[in-house]
Amino acid sequence: MGRRLVPLTLDNLPELPGWCRSCVFWELDPVSGEAAVKAGRPEVEKEAWISAVLLEWGSCGRLVYVDEVAVGYMLYAPPAYVPRSTAFPTSPVATDAVQLMTAWTMPGYRGQGLGRMLVQGVAKDLLGRGVRAIEAFGDARRTKMTCVLPVDYLLAVGFKTVRPHHRYPRLRLELRTTFSWKEDVEMALDRLLGAVQKEPTLRPL
């Protein structure tokens, strides 16, 4: 089974599931988000947001492929680009951190380490850009699929709670302390990418 990570771009954005391409929960404030949905243009707003972040800040997402099929993704950006984050009771995200917004993996591929692989890929990208930490709002009572990541998933991939809340705690992953595993991440990704090259037939989320 060949696995690989690639940056999210406007070219591969169509490979996200339809409901993810049309979700602007994080990208717009509540009022603008509702207006975009009522106007029937959330996909356009999503594309415009990704385009703006790519131009002004750089890579803001990762896609994971298994046997050349896109089966998961992760979105992240500085809090200034994430209007919805200010609506959370445990906001704001620290000024030295990038916000992990949301992530998703295809049901048949969950529990296979792809979520951790995505986090490691994002951490590798941000370490190379001088970012100190990743923060995320978690949902402590998630019972159905939403755009807010479950707390259990964030804890499982190394995040720690920095501001508790009964429903939406804020969690943080210090990249300085994980710098020691940067080489391990690179080696693991190299092995995975190497496997793809050599064998082309090869929560949450």
N, C-alpha and C. Protein backbone atom coordinates (compact mmCIF):
# COMPACT_ATOMS: atom_id res chain seq x y z
N MET A 1 0.85 -1.20 0.00
CA MET A 1 0.00 0.00 0.00
C MET A 1 0.88 1.24 0.00
N GLY A 2 0.87 2.01 -1.10
CA GLY A 2 1.68 3.21 -1.20
C GLY A 2 0.98 4.41 -0.61
N ARG A 3 1.71 5.17 0.23
CA ARG A 3 1.15 6.37 0.85
C ARG A 3 2.04 7.55 0.52
N ARG A 4 1.42 8.70 0.29
CA ARG A 4 2.21 9.91 0.08
C ARG A 4 1.41 11.12 0.48
N LEU A 5 2.15 12.17 0.89
CA LEU A 5 1.55 13.45 1.25
C LEU A 5 1.91 14.48 0.20
N VAL A 6 0.96 15.35 -0.13
CA VAL A 6 1.23 16.45 -1.06
C VAL A 6 0.57 17.70 -0.53
N PRO A 7 1.10 18.89 -0.85
CA PRO A 7 0.44 20.13 -0.45
C PRO A 7 -0.92 20.27 -1.13
N LEU A 8 -1.86 20.86 -0.43
CA LEU A 8 -3.17 21.16 -1.01
C LEU A 8 -3.03 22.39 -1.91
N THR A 9 -3.51 22.29 -3.12
CA THR A 9 -3.45 23.40 -4.08
C THR A 9 -4.82 23.55 -4.74
N LEU A 10 -4.96 24.59 -5.53
CA LEU A 10 -6.21 24.77 -6.27
C LEU A 10 -6.40 23.66 -7.29
N ASP A 11 -5.30 23.07 -7.76
CA ASP A 11 -5.40 22.00 -8.75
C ASP A 11 -5.95 20.71 -8.16
N ASN A 12 -5.54 20.38 -6.92
CA ASN A 12 -6.04 19.13 -6.35
C ASN A 12 -7.21 19.33 -5.37
N LEU A 13 -7.64 20.57 -5.19
CA LEU A 13 -8.80 20.84 -4.33
C LEU A 13 -10.03 20.02 -4.74
N PRO A 14 -10.29 19.82 -6.05
CA PRO A 14 -11.46 19.03 -6.44
C PRO A 14 -11.43 17.59 -5.94
N GLU A 15 -10.28 17.11 -5.47
CA GLU A 15 -10.21 15.74 -4.98
C GLU A 15 -10.74 15.59 -3.56
N LEU A 16 -11.04 16.71 -2.89
CA LEU A 16 -11.70 16.64 -1.59
C LEU A 16 -13.16 16.24 -1.80
N PRO A 17 -13.75 15.58 -0.80
CA PRO A 17 -15.18 15.26 -0.91
C PRO A 17 -16.00 16.54 -1.08
N GLY A 18 -17.15 16.42 -1.72
CA GLY A 18 -17.98 17.59 -2.00
C GLY A 18 -18.33 18.40 -0.78
N TRP A 19 -18.66 17.73 0.34
CA TRP A 19 -19.07 18.49 1.53
C TRP A 19 -17.89 19.25 2.14
N CYS A 20 -16.66 18.76 1.91
CA CYS A 20 -15.49 19.47 2.41
C CYS A 20 -15.18 20.67 1.53
N ARG A 21 -15.36 20.52 0.21
CA ARG A 21 -15.12 21.64 -0.70
C ARG A 21 -16.12 22.76 -0.49
N SER A 22 -17.30 22.43 0.00
CA SER A 22 -18.34 23.45 0.18
C SER A 22 -18.46 23.94 1.62
N CYS A 23 -17.58 23.46 2.50
CA CYS A 23 -17.63 23.88 3.90
C CYS A 23 -16.77 25.11 4.11
N VAL A 24 -17.36 26.16 4.62
CA VAL A 24 -16.62 27.40 4.90
C VAL A 24 -16.75 27.76 6.39
N PHE A 25 -16.91 26.74 7.21
CA PHE A 25 -17.09 26.94 8.64
C PHE A 25 -15.95 27.78 9.24
N TRP A 26 -14.72 27.42 8.94
CA TRP A 26 -13.57 28.12 9.50
C TRP A 26 -13.17 29.34 8.66
N GLU A 27 -13.39 29.25 7.37
CA GLU A 27 -12.86 30.27 6.46
C GLU A 27 -13.59 31.60 6.52
N LEU A 28 -14.86 31.58 6.95
CA LEU A 28 -15.66 32.80 7.03
C LEU A 28 -16.24 32.97 8.42
N ASP A 29 -16.55 34.21 8.79
CA ASP A 29 -17.23 34.42 10.06
C ASP A 29 -18.66 33.88 9.94
N PRO A 30 -19.34 33.65 11.06
CA PRO A 30 -20.67 33.03 11.01
C PRO A 30 -21.65 33.72 10.07
N VAL A 31 -21.70 35.04 10.09
CA VAL A 31 -22.66 35.76 9.24
C VAL A 31 -22.32 35.58 7.77
N SER A 32 -21.04 35.76 7.42
CA SER A 32 -20.63 35.62 6.02
C SER A 32 -20.78 34.19 5.54
N GLY A 33 -20.50 33.24 6.45
CA GLY A 33 -20.64 31.84 6.08
C GLY A 33 -22.08 31.48 5.76
N GLU A 34 -22.99 31.95 6.57
CA GLU A 34 -24.41 31.69 6.33
C GLU A 34 -24.87 32.34 5.03
N ALA A 35 -24.38 33.54 4.77
CA ALA A 35 -24.74 34.24 3.54
C ALA A 35 -24.22 33.50 2.31
N ALA A 36 -23.00 32.94 2.41
CA ALA A 36 -22.42 32.20 1.29
C ALA A 36 -23.23 30.95 0.98
N VAL A 37 -23.69 30.28 2.03
CA VAL A 37 -24.49 29.07 1.84
C VAL A 37 -25.84 29.42 1.22
N LYS A 38 -26.48 30.48 1.72
CA LYS A 38 -27.78 30.89 1.18
C LYS A 38 -27.66 31.32 -0.28
N ALA A 39 -26.52 31.91 -0.63
CA ALA A 39 -26.31 32.36 -2.01
C ALA A 39 -25.88 31.22 -2.93
N GLY A 40 -25.63 30.05 -2.35
CA GLY A 40 -25.24 28.89 -3.15
C GLY A 40 -23.84 28.99 -3.71
N ARG A 41 -22.93 29.68 -2.97
CA ARG A 41 -21.57 29.84 -3.48
C ARG A 41 -20.49 29.50 -2.46
N PRO A 42 -20.72 28.53 -1.56
CA PRO A 42 -19.66 28.21 -0.60
C PRO A 42 -18.40 27.65 -1.25
N GLU A 43 -18.55 26.88 -2.36
CA GLU A 43 -17.36 26.33 -3.03
C GLU A 43 -16.49 27.46 -3.58
N VAL A 44 -17.14 28.50 -4.10
CA VAL A 44 -16.39 29.64 -4.64
C VAL A 44 -15.64 30.35 -3.52
N GLU A 45 -16.29 30.52 -2.37
CA GLU A 45 -15.66 31.17 -1.23
C GLU A 45 -14.49 30.34 -0.70
N LYS A 46 -14.66 29.03 -0.69
CA LYS A 46 -13.60 28.13 -0.23
C LYS A 46 -12.38 28.26 -1.13
N GLU A 47 -12.61 28.23 -2.43
CA GLU A 47 -11.51 28.35 -3.38
C GLU A 47 -10.82 29.71 -3.25
N ALA A 48 -11.61 30.76 -3.07
CA ALA A 48 -11.04 32.10 -2.92
C ALA A 48 -10.19 32.20 -1.65
N TRP A 49 -10.65 31.56 -0.58
CA TRP A 49 -9.89 31.58 0.68
C TRP A 49 -8.56 30.86 0.52
N ILE A 50 -8.59 29.68 -0.07
CA ILE A 50 -7.36 28.92 -0.26
C ILE A 50 -6.40 29.68 -1.16
N SER A 51 -6.93 30.27 -2.23
CA SER A 51 -6.10 31.05 -3.15
C SER A 51 -5.41 32.21 -2.42
N ALA A 52 -6.17 32.92 -1.59
CA ALA A 52 -5.61 34.07 -0.88
C ALA A 52 -4.53 33.64 0.11
N VAL A 53 -4.79 32.56 0.85
CA VAL A 53 -3.80 32.11 1.84
C VAL A 53 -2.54 31.62 1.15
N LEU A 54 -2.70 30.90 0.05
CA LEU A 54 -1.53 30.43 -0.70
C LEU A 54 -0.68 31.59 -1.18
N LEU A 55 -1.32 32.64 -1.67
CA LEU A 55 -0.60 33.79 -2.20
C LEU A 55 0.06 34.63 -1.11
N GLU A 56 -0.65 34.79 0.01
CA GLU A 56 -0.17 35.71 1.05
C GLU A 56 0.70 35.03 2.11
N TRP A 57 0.45 33.76 2.37
CA TRP A 57 1.16 33.09 3.47
C TRP A 57 1.90 31.83 3.03
N GLY A 58 1.30 31.07 2.12
CA GLY A 58 1.93 29.84 1.66
C GLY A 58 1.04 28.64 1.89
N SER A 59 1.63 27.47 1.83
CA SER A 59 0.89 26.21 1.94
C SER A 59 0.01 26.18 3.17
N CYS A 60 -1.25 25.74 2.99
CA CYS A 60 -2.19 25.74 4.11
C CYS A 60 -2.94 24.42 4.22
N GLY A 61 -2.45 23.38 3.58
CA GLY A 61 -3.12 22.10 3.66
C GLY A 61 -2.27 20.97 3.15
N ARG A 62 -2.64 19.77 3.54
CA ARG A 62 -1.97 18.56 3.07
C ARG A 62 -3.03 17.53 2.69
N LEU A 63 -2.77 16.84 1.58
CA LEU A 63 -3.60 15.72 1.14
C LEU A 63 -2.79 14.45 1.32
N VAL A 64 -3.45 13.37 1.74
CA VAL A 64 -2.77 12.09 1.83
C VAL A 64 -3.40 11.15 0.80
N TYR A 65 -2.53 10.50 0.04
CA TYR A 65 -2.96 9.55 -0.98
C TYR A 65 -2.57 8.14 -0.56
N VAL A 66 -3.45 7.20 -0.84
CA VAL A 66 -3.15 5.78 -0.67
C VAL A 66 -3.41 5.12 -2.02
N ASP A 67 -2.36 4.55 -2.58
CA ASP A 67 -2.48 3.95 -3.92
C ASP A 67 -3.09 4.93 -4.92
N GLU A 68 -2.59 6.17 -4.85
CA GLU A 68 -2.97 7.24 -5.79
C GLU A 68 -4.42 7.71 -5.64
N VAL A 69 -5.07 7.34 -4.55
CA VAL A 69 -6.42 7.84 -4.27
C VAL A 69 -6.35 8.79 -3.08
N ALA A 70 -6.90 10.00 -3.22
CA ALA A 70 -6.93 10.95 -2.11
C ALA A 70 -7.91 10.46 -1.06
N VAL A 71 -7.40 10.15 0.15
CA VAL A 71 -8.26 9.57 1.18
C VAL A 71 -8.32 10.42 2.45
N GLY A 72 -7.63 11.55 2.48
CA GLY A 72 -7.68 12.40 3.66
C GLY A 72 -6.99 13.73 3.42
N TYR A 73 -7.27 14.67 4.30
CA TYR A 73 -6.65 15.99 4.17
C TYR A 73 -6.64 16.69 5.52
N MET A 74 -5.86 17.77 5.59
CA MET A 74 -5.77 18.61 6.78
C MET A 74 -5.58 20.04 6.36
N LEU A 75 -6.27 20.97 7.03
CA LEU A 75 -6.16 22.40 6.73
C LEU A 75 -5.59 23.14 7.94
N TYR A 76 -4.73 24.13 7.69
CA TYR A 76 -4.14 24.92 8.76
C TYR A 76 -3.77 26.29 8.23
N ALA A 77 -3.74 27.28 9.13
CA ALA A 77 -3.42 28.65 8.73
C ALA A 77 -3.20 29.49 9.99
N PRO A 78 -2.53 30.63 9.88
CA PRO A 78 -2.43 31.55 11.01
C PRO A 78 -3.83 32.00 11.44
N PRO A 79 -4.06 32.23 12.72
CA PRO A 79 -5.40 32.60 13.20
C PRO A 79 -5.99 33.83 12.53
N ALA A 80 -5.15 34.72 12.02
CA ALA A 80 -5.66 35.92 11.34
C ALA A 80 -6.46 35.56 10.08
N TYR A 81 -6.22 34.36 9.54
CA TYR A 81 -6.93 33.91 8.35
C TYR A 81 -8.15 33.05 8.69
N VAL A 82 -8.42 32.87 9.97
CA VAL A 82 -9.48 31.94 10.39
C VAL A 82 -10.51 32.71 11.22
N PRO A 83 -11.43 33.43 10.57
CA PRO A 83 -12.40 34.28 11.28
C PRO A 83 -13.23 33.55 12.33
N ARG A 84 -13.62 32.31 12.06
CA ARG A 84 -14.50 31.59 12.98
C ARG A 84 -13.85 31.33 14.34
N SER A 85 -12.51 31.32 14.39
CA SER A 85 -11.84 30.96 15.64
C SER A 85 -12.17 31.93 16.78
N THR A 86 -12.49 33.18 16.44
CA THR A 86 -12.79 34.17 17.49
C THR A 86 -14.12 33.90 18.17
N ALA A 87 -14.94 33.03 17.58
CA ALA A 87 -16.25 32.73 18.16
C ALA A 87 -16.18 31.66 19.25
N PHE A 88 -15.02 31.04 19.43
CA PHE A 88 -14.89 29.96 20.40
C PHE A 88 -14.62 30.51 21.79
N PRO A 89 -15.17 29.89 22.82
CA PRO A 89 -15.00 30.39 24.19
C PRO A 89 -13.57 30.32 24.70
N THR A 90 -12.73 29.51 24.07
CA THR A 90 -11.34 29.39 24.52
C THR A 90 -10.38 30.13 23.59
N SER A 91 -10.91 31.00 22.74
CA SER A 91 -10.04 31.80 21.87
C SER A 91 -9.39 32.91 22.71
N PRO A 92 -8.33 33.53 22.22
CA PRO A 92 -7.77 33.38 20.88
C PRO A 92 -6.64 32.36 20.83
N VAL A 93 -6.34 31.93 19.62
CA VAL A 93 -5.15 31.11 19.38
C VAL A 93 -3.93 31.98 19.65
N ALA A 94 -2.90 31.41 20.25
CA ALA A 94 -1.68 32.16 20.58
C ALA A 94 -1.06 32.76 19.32
N THR A 95 -0.46 33.92 19.49
CA THR A 95 0.10 34.63 18.34
C THR A 95 1.32 33.94 17.73
N ASP A 96 1.94 33.02 18.49
CA ASP A 96 3.11 32.31 17.96
C ASP A 96 2.73 30.98 17.33
N ALA A 97 1.42 30.72 17.17
CA ALA A 97 0.97 29.42 16.69
C ALA A 97 0.18 29.55 15.39
N VAL A 98 0.20 28.48 14.64
CA VAL A 98 -0.67 28.31 13.48
C VAL A 98 -1.84 27.44 13.91
N GLN A 99 -3.02 27.74 13.43
CA GLN A 99 -4.20 26.98 13.83
C GLN A 99 -4.42 25.78 12.92
N LEU A 100 -4.54 24.60 13.53
CA LEU A 100 -5.00 23.43 12.83
C LEU A 100 -6.53 23.52 12.78
N MET A 101 -7.07 23.69 11.59
CA MET A 101 -8.49 23.97 11.45
C MET A 101 -9.33 22.70 11.47
N THR A 102 -9.08 21.83 10.52
CA THR A 102 -9.88 20.61 10.44
C THR A 102 -9.12 19.55 9.68
N ALA A 103 -9.63 18.34 9.71
CA ALA A 103 -9.03 17.22 9.00
C ALA A 103 -10.10 16.17 8.77
N TRP A 104 -9.84 15.30 7.82
CA TRP A 104 -10.80 14.25 7.49
C TRP A 104 -10.07 13.10 6.83
N THR A 105 -10.52 11.87 7.11
CA THR A 105 -10.04 10.71 6.39
C THR A 105 -11.24 9.86 5.97
N MET A 106 -11.12 9.22 4.84
CA MET A 106 -12.18 8.39 4.31
C MET A 106 -12.46 7.24 5.29
N PRO A 107 -13.73 6.92 5.55
CA PRO A 107 -14.07 5.91 6.54
C PRO A 107 -13.29 4.60 6.43
N GLY A 108 -13.11 4.08 5.24
CA GLY A 108 -12.41 2.81 5.10
C GLY A 108 -10.93 2.86 5.41
N TYR A 109 -10.39 4.05 5.64
CA TYR A 109 -8.95 4.20 5.87
C TYR A 109 -8.63 4.73 7.26
N ARG A 110 -9.63 4.81 8.11
CA ARG A 110 -9.39 5.30 9.47
C ARG A 110 -8.76 4.22 10.33
N GLY A 111 -8.02 4.65 11.35
CA GLY A 111 -7.36 3.70 12.23
C GLY A 111 -6.10 3.09 11.64
N GLN A 112 -5.56 3.69 10.57
CA GLN A 112 -4.36 3.17 9.92
C GLN A 112 -3.17 4.11 10.05
N GLY A 113 -3.28 5.11 10.93
CA GLY A 113 -2.17 6.01 11.15
C GLY A 113 -2.09 7.18 10.19
N LEU A 114 -3.11 7.35 9.34
CA LEU A 114 -3.06 8.44 8.38
C LEU A 114 -3.23 9.80 9.05
N GLY A 115 -4.02 9.85 10.12
CA GLY A 115 -4.18 11.10 10.85
C GLY A 115 -2.88 11.57 11.45
N ARG A 116 -2.12 10.65 12.04
CA ARG A 116 -0.81 11.00 12.60
C ARG A 116 0.15 11.40 11.48
N MET A 117 0.07 10.71 10.36
CA MET A 117 0.92 11.04 9.23
C MET A 117 0.65 12.46 8.74
N LEU A 118 -0.62 12.85 8.71
CA LEU A 118 -0.96 14.21 8.30
C LEU A 118 -0.40 15.24 9.28
N VAL A 119 -0.56 14.99 10.58
CA VAL A 119 -0.03 15.92 11.58
C VAL A 119 1.48 16.05 11.45
N GLN A 120 2.16 14.94 11.25
CA GLN A 120 3.61 14.98 11.11
C GLN A 120 4.03 15.74 9.86
N GLY A 121 3.25 15.58 8.79
CA GLY A 121 3.55 16.32 7.56
C GLY A 121 3.37 17.81 7.74
N VAL A 122 2.31 18.20 8.45
CA VAL A 122 2.08 19.62 8.73
C VAL A 122 3.18 20.16 9.63
N ALA A 123 3.56 19.39 10.65
CA ALA A 123 4.62 19.83 11.55
C ALA A 123 5.94 20.01 10.80
N LYS A 124 6.23 19.10 9.90
CA LYS A 124 7.47 19.22 9.11
C LYS A 124 7.46 20.50 8.29
N ASP A 125 6.31 20.80 7.66
CA ASP A 125 6.19 22.02 6.85
C ASP A 125 6.40 23.26 7.72
N LEU A 126 5.73 23.31 8.88
CA LEU A 126 5.78 24.49 9.72
C LEU A 126 7.13 24.67 10.41
N LEU A 127 7.77 23.57 10.77
CA LEU A 127 9.11 23.67 11.35
C LEU A 127 10.06 24.35 10.37
N GLY A 128 9.92 23.98 9.11
CA GLY A 128 10.79 24.57 8.10
C GLY A 128 10.49 26.03 7.85
N ARG A 129 9.35 26.53 8.35
CA ARG A 129 8.96 27.93 8.15
C ARG A 129 9.10 28.75 9.43
N GLY A 130 9.71 28.14 10.45
CA GLY A 130 9.99 28.87 11.68
C GLY A 130 8.83 29.02 12.63
N VAL A 131 7.78 28.23 12.46
CA VAL A 131 6.61 28.31 13.35
C VAL A 131 6.91 27.56 14.65
N ARG A 132 6.47 28.10 15.78
CA ARG A 132 6.79 27.52 17.08
C ARG A 132 5.80 26.45 17.53
N ALA A 133 4.52 26.58 17.13
CA ALA A 133 3.53 25.65 17.66
C ALA A 133 2.30 25.58 16.76
N ILE A 134 1.51 24.53 16.97
CA ILE A 134 0.21 24.38 16.33
C ILE A 134 -0.83 24.34 17.44
N GLU A 135 -1.92 25.08 17.26
CA GLU A 135 -3.02 25.03 18.21
C GLU A 135 -4.31 24.65 17.49
N ALA A 136 -5.23 24.08 18.25
CA ALA A 136 -6.51 23.66 17.67
C ALA A 136 -7.59 23.71 18.73
N PHE A 137 -8.79 23.99 18.29
CA PHE A 137 -9.95 23.86 19.17
C PHE A 137 -10.48 22.44 19.02
N GLY A 138 -10.69 21.77 20.14
CA GLY A 138 -11.20 20.42 20.09
C GLY A 138 -12.64 20.35 20.56
N ASP A 139 -13.34 19.34 20.11
CA ASP A 139 -14.71 19.11 20.55
C ASP A 139 -14.69 17.93 21.51
N ALA A 140 -15.00 18.18 22.77
CA ALA A 140 -14.95 17.14 23.80
C ALA A 140 -16.16 16.23 23.78
N ARG A 141 -17.18 16.61 23.02
CA ARG A 141 -18.41 15.81 23.03
C ARG A 141 -18.90 15.51 21.62
N ARG A 142 -17.98 15.40 20.68
CA ARG A 142 -18.40 15.20 19.30
C ARG A 142 -19.05 13.83 19.12
N THR A 143 -20.27 13.83 18.64
CA THR A 143 -21.00 12.59 18.41
C THR A 143 -21.30 12.38 16.93
N LYS A 144 -20.98 13.37 16.11
CA LYS A 144 -21.17 13.23 14.67
C LYS A 144 -20.10 14.03 13.96
N MET A 145 -19.98 13.83 12.67
CA MET A 145 -18.95 14.48 11.88
C MET A 145 -19.18 15.99 11.85
N THR A 146 -18.20 16.76 12.32
CA THR A 146 -18.25 18.22 12.25
C THR A 146 -16.90 18.73 11.80
N CYS A 147 -16.79 20.05 11.66
CA CYS A 147 -15.52 20.65 11.25
C CYS A 147 -14.57 20.86 12.42
N VAL A 148 -15.03 20.58 13.64
CA VAL A 148 -14.18 20.73 14.83
C VAL A 148 -13.64 19.35 15.20
N LEU A 149 -12.34 19.23 15.31
CA LEU A 149 -11.70 17.94 15.56
C LEU A 149 -12.00 17.42 16.96
N PRO A 150 -12.19 16.12 17.11
CA PRO A 150 -12.43 15.56 18.45
C PRO A 150 -11.19 15.68 19.33
N VAL A 151 -11.40 15.97 20.60
CA VAL A 151 -10.29 16.12 21.55
C VAL A 151 -9.45 14.85 21.61
N ASP A 152 -10.09 13.70 21.61
CA ASP A 152 -9.35 12.44 21.71
C ASP A 152 -8.34 12.28 20.59
N TYR A 153 -8.71 12.70 19.39
CA TYR A 153 -7.77 12.62 18.27
C TYR A 153 -6.57 13.53 18.50
N LEU A 154 -6.84 14.77 18.90
CA LEU A 154 -5.75 15.72 19.11
C LEU A 154 -4.80 15.24 20.20
N LEU A 155 -5.34 14.71 21.28
CA LEU A 155 -4.48 14.17 22.34
C LEU A 155 -3.66 12.99 21.84
N ALA A 156 -4.26 12.15 21.00
CA ALA A 156 -3.59 10.96 20.52
C ALA A 156 -2.40 11.28 19.63
N VAL A 157 -2.44 12.44 18.93
CA VAL A 157 -1.34 12.78 18.04
C VAL A 157 -0.37 13.78 18.67
N GLY A 158 -0.48 14.00 19.99
CA GLY A 158 0.55 14.77 20.69
C GLY A 158 0.16 16.13 21.22
N PHE A 159 -1.05 16.59 20.97
CA PHE A 159 -1.48 17.88 21.49
C PHE A 159 -1.73 17.79 22.99
N LYS A 160 -1.59 18.93 23.68
CA LYS A 160 -1.88 19.02 25.11
C LYS A 160 -2.83 20.21 25.35
N THR A 161 -3.73 20.05 26.30
CA THR A 161 -4.70 21.11 26.59
C THR A 161 -4.02 22.30 27.24
N VAL A 162 -4.24 23.49 26.69
CA VAL A 162 -3.69 24.71 27.28
C VAL A 162 -4.78 25.61 27.84
N ARG A 163 -6.01 25.42 27.41
CA ARG A 163 -7.14 26.14 27.99
C ARG A 163 -8.34 25.21 28.06
N PRO A 164 -8.63 24.67 29.22
CA PRO A 164 -9.72 23.70 29.36
C PRO A 164 -11.09 24.34 29.13
N HIS A 165 -12.02 23.51 28.71
CA HIS A 165 -13.42 23.92 28.55
C HIS A 165 -14.24 22.65 28.48
N HIS A 166 -15.48 22.69 28.99
CA HIS A 166 -16.29 21.47 29.00
C HIS A 166 -16.65 20.98 27.61
N ARG A 167 -16.64 21.86 26.62
CA ARG A 167 -17.00 21.46 25.26
C ARG A 167 -15.90 21.73 24.25
N TYR A 168 -15.30 22.94 24.28
CA TYR A 168 -14.34 23.32 23.26
C TYR A 168 -13.00 23.76 23.86
N PRO A 169 -12.22 22.85 24.41
CA PRO A 169 -10.90 23.23 24.93
C PRO A 169 -9.97 23.60 23.77
N ARG A 170 -8.96 24.38 24.10
CA ARG A 170 -7.92 24.71 23.11
C ARG A 170 -6.68 23.89 23.45
N LEU A 171 -6.12 23.26 22.42
CA LEU A 171 -4.97 22.39 22.61
C LEU A 171 -3.79 22.89 21.80
N ARG A 172 -2.59 22.45 22.19
CA ARG A 172 -1.36 22.98 21.58
C ARG A 172 -0.34 21.86 21.39
N LEU A 173 0.36 21.93 20.28
CA LEU A 173 1.48 21.04 20.00
C LEU A 173 2.72 21.90 19.84
N GLU A 174 3.64 21.79 20.78
CA GLU A 174 4.87 22.59 20.74
C GLU A 174 5.85 21.99 19.73
N LEU A 175 6.16 22.74 18.70
CA LEU A 175 7.07 22.23 17.68
C LEU A 175 8.51 22.26 18.13
N ARG A 176 8.83 23.13 19.09
CA ARG A 176 10.20 23.13 19.61
C ARG A 176 10.52 21.82 20.30
N THR A 177 9.57 21.30 21.06
CA THR A 177 9.82 20.04 21.77
C THR A 177 9.74 18.84 20.85
N THR A 178 9.06 19.01 19.70
CA THR A 178 8.99 17.91 18.77
C THR A 178 10.09 17.98 17.71
N PHE A 179 10.96 18.99 17.83
CA PHE A 179 12.03 19.14 16.85
C PHE A 179 12.93 17.92 16.84
N SER A 180 13.03 17.26 17.99
CA SER A 180 13.89 16.08 18.09
C SER A 180 13.40 14.96 17.19
N TRP A 181 12.07 14.93 16.91
CA TRP A 181 11.60 13.87 16.02
C TRP A 181 11.43 14.35 14.58
N LYS A 182 11.97 15.53 14.29
CA LYS A 182 11.88 16.01 12.92
C LYS A 182 12.57 15.03 11.96
N GLU A 183 13.77 14.57 12.34
CA GLU A 183 14.48 13.65 11.47
C GLU A 183 13.74 12.33 11.34
N ASP A 184 13.13 11.88 12.45
CA ASP A 184 12.35 10.65 12.39
C ASP A 184 11.18 10.80 11.42
N VAL A 185 10.54 11.98 11.47
CA VAL A 185 9.43 12.24 10.56
C VAL A 185 9.92 12.20 9.12
N GLU A 186 11.05 12.87 8.87
CA GLU A 186 11.59 12.92 7.51
C GLU A 186 11.95 11.53 7.01
N MET A 187 12.57 10.73 7.89
CA MET A 187 12.95 9.38 7.50
C MET A 187 11.72 8.53 7.20
N ALA A 188 10.70 8.67 8.05
CA ALA A 188 9.48 7.89 7.85
C ALA A 188 8.81 8.28 6.53
N LEU A 189 8.73 9.59 6.29
CA LEU A 189 8.11 10.05 5.05
C LEU A 189 8.93 9.64 3.83
N ASP A 190 10.26 9.70 3.97
CA ASP A 190 11.12 9.27 2.86
C ASP A 190 10.90 7.80 2.55
N ARG A 191 10.78 6.99 3.62
CA ARG A 191 10.54 5.56 3.40
C ARG A 191 9.20 5.34 2.70
N LEU A 192 8.18 6.09 3.14
CA LEU A 192 6.87 5.95 2.53
C LEU A 192 6.89 6.39 1.07
N LEU A 193 7.55 7.53 0.82
CA LEU A 193 7.63 8.02 -0.55
C LEU A 193 8.46 7.09 -1.41
N GLY A 194 9.52 6.53 -0.79
CA GLY A 194 10.36 5.58 -1.51
C GLY A 194 9.58 4.34 -1.89
N ALA A 195 8.70 3.90 -0.98
CA ALA A 195 7.89 2.72 -1.26
C ALA A 195 6.96 2.97 -2.43
N VAL A 196 6.45 4.20 -2.51
CA VAL A 196 5.57 4.55 -3.63
C VAL A 196 6.34 4.49 -4.93
N GLN A 197 7.57 5.01 -4.92
CA GLN A 197 8.36 5.05 -6.14
C GLN A 197 8.78 3.65 -6.59
N LYS A 198 9.10 2.80 -5.60
CA LYS A 198 9.60 1.48 -5.95
C LYS A 198 8.48 0.49 -6.24
N GLU A 199 7.30 0.73 -5.66
CA GLU A 199 6.20 -0.21 -5.83
C GLU A 199 4.93 0.54 -6.27
N PRO A 200 4.87 0.94 -7.51
CA PRO A 200 3.73 1.72 -7.97
C PRO A 200 2.41 0.99 -7.88
N THR A 201 2.44 -0.38 -7.78
CA THR A 201 1.20 -1.10 -7.62
C THR A 201 0.93 -1.41 -6.16
N LEU A 202 1.79 -0.92 -5.62
CA LEU A 202 1.71 -1.23 -4.23
C LEU A 202 0.43 -2.01 -3.82
N ARG A 203 -9.01 10.46 14.58
CA ARG A 203 -10.28 10.34 14.39
C ARG A 203 -9.99 11.38 14.08
N PRO A 204 -10.65 12.40 15.59
CA PRO A 204 -10.67 12.31 14.60
C PRO A 204 -10.92 12.71 14.31
N LEU A 205 -10.31 10.26 12.34
CA LEU A 205 -11.02 11.50 12.22
C LEU A 205 -12.45 11.14 11.89
